């Protein structure tokens, strides 16, 4: 088992600061999504906001083999599941776009993602986004101090599959800290071969359901990064960085981008209710 790095309260405070920048970037991009906007324009917006807040884009310089990623965000459209490279592609009415952002601030990373409808989408696609978003909160609500990582994986998998959608088996969430991708891998399904460490105070993980409308099988485009559904049907992706606490957990990237209506916005990991502060600590 790879060594898990538990975080101190001071280190979690730094991740929380980075998380606030991430949530600000997502909020601004979500408002900017519209027919005719290019994914490259959204990337430029993210670069500007991150630098304005003193941060560094986490994704720049990451590698898949010899291929280096050079964008601030991943922008994955329709059948693109994750790791879509921003560029000249223009968004069209009826598209969906996953916006994934990581920020490094004061030496620590935070990571979050949302999927946004471009104008009006069909009912099935709207339902895909809703189920994916709700499966993220199902996973978050499964976090318990001294629980197990598989509790999170099981909660996401059951929520998705009971509603007729699928989760790609090759993709996972991850630990977060001084490195963007740390142990443990946080899969969206349960397998006896996966690590199942206890959820102890100081564990910081990114829970990120990636959900396909059709089959679970995926492939990778020739750019070496962009993951797509093999059947060409759309996919959605939502993500939060959370810290395990003795009382349960804290969502470190919760902010105004969160798509829950204000009257139902989750105040903590167990309940959907209004809160006083969009950047408040989120605890069980």
Protein backbone atom coordinates (compact mmCIF):
# COMPACT_ATOMS: atom_id res chain seq x y z
CA UNK A 1 0.00 0.00 0.00
CA UNK A 2 1.35 3.43 -0.95
CA UNK A 3 2.04 5.68 2.02
CA UNK A 4 -0.78 8.09 2.82
CA UNK A 5 0.32 11.54 3.96
CA UNK A 6 -1.97 12.89 6.68
CA UNK A 7 -2.26 16.66 6.97
CA UNK A 8 -1.98 18.89 10.02
CA UNK A 9 -4.57 21.58 10.81
CA UNK A 10 -2.16 24.21 9.44
CA UNK A 11 -1.70 22.29 6.20
CA UNK A 12 -5.45 21.82 5.79
CA UNK A 13 -5.88 25.57 6.27
CA UNK A 14 -3.58 26.12 3.29
CA UNK A 15 -5.54 23.62 1.18
CA UNK A 16 -8.72 25.45 2.20
CA UNK A 17 -7.24 28.72 0.93
CA UNK A 18 -6.39 27.09 -2.39
CA UNK A 19 -9.91 25.64 -2.44
CA UNK A 20 -11.41 29.11 -2.20
CA UNK A 21 -9.49 30.15 -5.29
CA UNK A 22 -10.64 27.02 -7.11
CA UNK A 23 -14.28 27.75 -6.24
CA UNK A 24 -13.88 31.34 -7.45
CA UNK A 25 -12.47 30.17 -10.79
CA UNK A 26 -15.31 27.68 -11.26
CA UNK A 27 -17.93 30.28 -10.39
CA UNK A 28 -16.55 32.72 -12.96
CA UNK A 29 -16.25 30.09 -15.68
CA UNK A 30 -19.71 28.73 -15.01
CA UNK A 31 -21.16 32.18 -15.66
CA UNK A 32 -19.08 32.52 -18.84
CA UNK A 33 -20.22 29.24 -20.43
CA UNK A 34 -22.44 30.02 -23.42
CA UNK A 35 -22.84 29.05 -27.07
CA UNK A 36 -19.93 30.42 -29.09
CA UNK A 37 -17.42 30.57 -26.23
CA UNK A 38 -14.26 28.55 -26.83
CA UNK A 39 -12.70 26.25 -24.27
CA UNK A 40 -9.47 28.20 -24.78
CA UNK A 41 -11.20 31.39 -23.66
CA UNK A 42 -12.33 29.65 -20.48
CA UNK A 43 -8.76 28.47 -19.91
CA UNK A 44 -7.41 32.02 -20.32
CA UNK A 45 -9.98 33.24 -17.78
CA UNK A 46 -8.84 30.57 -15.31
CA UNK A 47 -5.16 31.47 -15.76
CA UNK A 48 -5.95 35.12 -15.06
CA UNK A 49 -8.02 34.50 -11.92
CA UNK A 50 -5.56 32.00 -10.45
CA UNK A 51 -2.62 34.36 -10.94
CA UNK A 52 -4.63 37.31 -9.64
CA UNK A 53 -5.06 35.39 -6.37
CA UNK A 54 -1.36 34.52 -6.12
CA UNK A 55 -1.81 30.89 -7.12
CA UNK A 56 -0.34 28.58 -9.73
CA UNK A 57 -2.43 26.30 -11.98
CA UNK A 58 -1.93 22.77 -10.65
CA UNK A 59 -2.34 21.05 -14.00
CA UNK A 60 0.42 22.90 -15.87
CA UNK A 61 3.45 20.64 -16.13
CA UNK A 62 1.67 17.41 -15.22
CA UNK A 63 2.76 14.46 -17.36
CA UNK A 64 1.26 11.42 -19.01
CA UNK A 65 4.41 9.62 -20.04
CA UNK A 66 6.36 12.11 -22.15
CA UNK A 67 3.33 14.34 -22.86
CA UNK A 68 3.23 17.51 -20.74
CA UNK A 69 -0.06 19.27 -19.92
CA UNK A 70 0.08 23.03 -20.49
CA UNK A 71 -3.39 24.33 -19.64
CA UNK A 72 -4.88 25.67 -16.40
CA UNK A 73 -8.08 23.66 -16.73
CA UNK A 74 -9.43 20.50 -18.25
CA UNK A 75 -12.44 21.24 -20.47
CA UNK A 76 -14.19 18.04 -21.53
CA UNK A 77 -17.14 18.39 -23.90
CA UNK A 78 -19.96 15.88 -24.39
CA UNK A 79 -18.41 12.40 -24.89
CA UNK A 80 -15.11 13.60 -23.40
CA UNK A 81 -15.01 12.21 -19.87
CA UNK A 82 -12.01 14.04 -18.36
CA UNK A 83 -8.68 15.68 -19.28
CA UNK A 84 -10.01 17.50 -22.34
CA UNK A 85 -7.41 20.01 -23.54
CA UNK A 86 -8.76 23.57 -24.00
CA UNK A 87 -8.36 25.17 -27.40
CA UNK A 88 -10.31 26.54 -30.33
CA UNK A 89 -13.39 24.36 -29.90
CA UNK A 90 -16.54 26.47 -29.63
CA UNK A 91 -19.34 25.39 -27.35
CA UNK A 92 -22.71 24.82 -28.99
CA UNK A 93 -26.26 24.95 -27.67
CA UNK A 94 -27.04 21.59 -26.10
CA UNK A 95 -23.43 20.69 -25.26
CA UNK A 96 -22.22 19.85 -21.76
CA UNK A 97 -18.73 20.81 -20.62
CA UNK A 98 -16.84 19.49 -17.61
CA UNK A 99 -14.60 22.17 -16.07
CA UNK A 100 -11.87 20.77 -13.83
CA UNK A 101 -9.57 23.17 -11.95
CA UNK A 102 -6.62 22.70 -9.65
CA UNK A 103 -4.75 25.47 -7.82
CA UNK A 104 -1.49 25.41 -5.87
CA UNK A 105 -1.24 28.11 -3.22
CA UNK A 106 1.36 28.35 -0.43
CA UNK A 107 2.72 24.96 -1.47
CA UNK A 108 -0.57 23.01 -1.36
CA UNK A 109 -3.12 21.99 -3.99
CA UNK A 110 -6.92 21.90 -4.14
CA UNK A 111 -8.97 20.34 -6.92
CA UNK A 112 -12.63 20.60 -7.93
CA UNK A 113 -14.84 20.14 -11.00
CA UNK A 114 -18.33 20.86 -12.25
CA UNK A 115 -20.20 20.00 -15.44
CA UNK A 116 -22.20 22.79 -17.03
CA UNK A 117 -25.01 22.66 -19.59
CA UNK A 118 -24.55 24.99 -22.55
CA UNK A 119 -27.98 26.53 -22.97
CA UNK A 120 -30.77 23.96 -23.03
CA UNK A 121 -29.94 20.24 -23.02
CA UNK A 122 -32.22 17.25 -23.52
CA UNK A 123 -33.91 15.62 -20.53
CA UNK A 124 -31.61 12.59 -20.41
CA UNK A 125 -28.48 14.75 -20.39
CA UNK A 126 -29.94 16.99 -17.69
CA UNK A 127 -30.65 13.88 -15.63
CA UNK A 128 -27.05 12.67 -16.16
CA UNK A 129 -25.74 15.94 -14.70
CA UNK A 130 -28.13 15.77 -11.77
CA UNK A 131 -27.28 12.15 -10.90
CA UNK A 132 -23.53 12.79 -11.19
CA UNK A 133 -23.73 15.84 -8.94
CA UNK A 134 -25.86 13.98 -6.40
CA UNK A 135 -23.53 10.96 -6.47
CA UNK A 136 -20.68 13.24 -5.40
CA UNK A 137 -22.70 14.25 -2.34
CA UNK A 138 -23.60 10.60 -1.71
CA UNK A 139 -19.87 9.89 -1.55
CA UNK A 140 -19.20 12.88 0.70
CA UNK A 141 -21.98 11.88 3.08
CA UNK A 142 -20.38 8.42 3.36
CA UNK A 143 -17.24 9.90 4.94
CA UNK A 144 -16.99 8.99 8.60
CA UNK A 145 -13.99 9.24 10.90
CA UNK A 146 -12.62 5.68 11.21
CA UNK A 147 -14.87 4.54 8.38
CA UNK A 148 -13.32 3.00 5.27
CA UNK A 149 -12.50 4.34 1.82
CA UNK A 150 -14.71 1.70 0.23
CA UNK A 151 -17.69 3.30 2.01
CA UNK A 152 -17.21 6.28 -0.30
CA UNK A 153 -16.70 4.17 -3.41
CA UNK A 154 -19.76 2.05 -2.64
CA UNK A 155 -21.98 5.08 -2.04
CA UNK A 156 -21.08 6.59 -5.42
CA UNK A 157 -21.37 3.32 -7.32
CA UNK A 158 -24.75 2.39 -5.89
CA UNK A 159 -26.19 5.86 -6.43
CA UNK A 160 -25.10 5.91 -10.09
CA UNK A 161 -25.87 2.35 -11.09
CA UNK A 162 -29.29 2.27 -9.45
CA UNK A 163 -30.22 5.15 -11.77
CA UNK A 164 -29.09 3.42 -14.94
CA UNK A 165 -25.73 5.10 -15.54
CA UNK A 166 -22.18 3.73 -15.35
CA UNK A 167 -18.77 4.65 -13.90
CA UNK A 168 -15.54 4.11 -15.86
CA UNK A 169 -13.41 1.57 -14.06
CA UNK A 170 -10.03 3.02 -15.03
CA UNK A 171 -10.54 6.46 -13.45
CA UNK A 172 -10.48 7.56 -9.82
CA UNK A 173 -10.20 10.41 -7.38
CA UNK A 174 -7.04 10.80 -5.33
CA UNK A 175 -5.32 12.17 -2.29
CA UNK A 176 -4.46 15.88 -2.34
CA UNK A 177 -1.71 17.84 -0.60
CA UNK A 178 1.75 19.08 -1.54
CA UNK A 179 1.28 16.97 -4.67
CA UNK A 180 -1.83 17.18 -6.83
CA UNK A 181 -2.14 13.41 -7.05
CA UNK A 182 -1.30 11.55 -3.85
CA UNK A 183 -2.39 8.20 -2.42
CA UNK A 184 -4.95 6.83 -1.96
CA UNK A 185 -6.82 6.31 -5.21
CA UNK A 186 -10.52 7.00 -4.63
CA UNK A 187 -12.43 4.81 -7.07
CA UNK A 188 -16.11 5.23 -7.85
CA UNK A 189 -16.80 1.52 -7.46
CA UNK A 190 -15.77 -1.23 -5.07
CA UNK A 191 -13.21 -3.87 -5.97
CA UNK A 192 -11.60 -6.25 -3.50
CA UNK A 193 -8.23 -5.48 -5.07
CA UNK A 194 -8.40 -1.77 -4.30
CA UNK A 195 -6.81 -0.27 -1.21
CA UNK A 196 -9.33 0.27 1.58
CA UNK A 197 -7.58 2.37 4.24
CA UNK A 198 -9.39 3.79 7.25
CA UNK A 199 -10.67 7.36 6.98
CA UNK A 200 -8.62 9.05 9.68
CA UNK A 201 -8.31 12.66 10.76
CA UNK A 202 -6.02 14.58 8.42
CA UNK A 203 -6.75 12.53 5.31
CA UNK A 204 -7.44 14.88 2.38
CA UNK A 205 -8.96 13.37 -0.75
CA UNK A 206 -10.64 14.47 -3.97
CA UNK A 207 -13.90 12.60 -4.48
CA UNK A 208 -14.82 12.86 -8.16
CA UNK A 209 -17.55 10.79 -9.78
CA UNK A 210 -17.15 10.51 -13.54
CA UNK A 211 -20.40 9.11 -14.89
CA UNK A 212 -21.27 7.91 -18.38
CA UNK A 213 -24.74 8.03 -19.88
CA UNK A 214 -24.07 4.74 -21.65
CA UNK A 215 -21.47 2.03 -21.22
CA UNK A 216 -18.52 2.30 -18.85
CA UNK A 217 -15.86 1.61 -21.49
CA UNK A 218 -13.52 4.50 -22.30
CA UNK A 219 -10.58 5.29 -24.57
CA UNK A 220 -7.90 7.97 -24.89
CA UNK A 221 -7.47 10.24 -27.92
CA UNK A 222 -4.20 10.63 -29.79
CA UNK A 223 -3.34 13.76 -27.75
CA UNK A 224 -2.50 11.37 -24.91
CA UNK A 225 -4.80 13.10 -22.42
CA UNK A 226 -8.44 13.34 -23.49
CA UNK A 227 -10.51 10.43 -22.18
CA UNK A 228 -13.69 9.68 -24.18
CA UNK A 229 -16.61 7.28 -23.95
CA UNK A 230 -16.27 4.44 -26.42
CA UNK A 231 -19.95 4.55 -27.35
CA UNK A 232 -19.88 8.29 -28.03
CA UNK A 233 -22.54 9.10 -25.44
CA UNK A 234 -22.05 12.01 -23.03
CA UNK A 235 -20.33 11.92 -19.67
CA UNK A 236 -20.40 14.19 -16.61
CA UNK A 237 -17.93 14.94 -13.82
CA UNK A 238 -18.22 16.63 -10.42
CA UNK A 239 -15.51 16.85 -7.76
CA UNK A 240 -14.73 18.29 -4.33
CA UNK A 241 -11.62 18.17 -2.16
CA UNK A 242 -12.52 17.09 1.38
CA UNK A 243 -10.66 16.64 4.68
CA UNK A 244 -11.54 13.95 7.19
CA UNK A 245 -12.02 15.36 10.69
CA UNK A 246 -12.77 13.71 14.03
CA UNK A 247 -16.32 14.97 13.63
CA UNK A 248 -16.67 13.69 10.06
CA UNK A 249 -15.39 15.83 7.21
CA UNK A 250 -14.94 19.31 5.81
CA UNK A 251 -15.49 20.20 2.15
CA UNK A 252 -12.53 22.42 1.30
CA UNK A 253 -13.69 23.54 -2.16
CA UNK A 254 -17.32 24.39 -1.41
CA UNK A 255 -18.16 27.80 -2.80
CA UNK A 256 -20.56 29.84 -4.89
CA UNK A 257 -20.01 27.57 -7.90
CA UNK A 258 -21.72 24.69 -6.11
CA UNK A 259 -24.81 23.93 -8.20
CA UNK A 260 -27.19 23.18 -5.35
CA UNK A 261 -29.95 25.82 -5.15
CA UNK A 262 -29.23 28.19 -2.26
CA UNK A 263 -32.21 26.92 -0.25
CA UNK A 264 -30.82 23.37 -0.43
CA UNK A 265 -27.07 24.02 -0.52
CA UNK A 266 -25.33 21.44 1.66
CA UNK A 267 -24.16 22.98 4.92
CA UNK A 268 -22.36 19.83 5.94
CA UNK A 269 -21.52 16.36 4.72
CA UNK A 270 -24.82 14.86 5.84
CA UNK A 271 -27.50 17.42 5.21
CA UNK A 272 -28.78 19.65 2.41
CA UNK A 273 -29.79 22.90 4.04
CA UNK A 274 -29.05 26.59 3.82
CA UNK A 275 -25.81 27.95 5.33
CA UNK A 276 -24.78 31.41 6.35
CA UNK A 277 -21.43 31.61 4.60
CA UNK A 278 -20.50 30.22 1.19
CA UNK A 279 -16.94 29.67 2.42
CA UNK A 280 -17.84 28.28 5.83
CA UNK A 281 -16.25 25.12 7.11
CA UNK A 282 -18.39 22.17 6.19
CA UNK A 283 -18.57 19.57 8.94
CA UNK A 284 -20.60 16.62 10.05
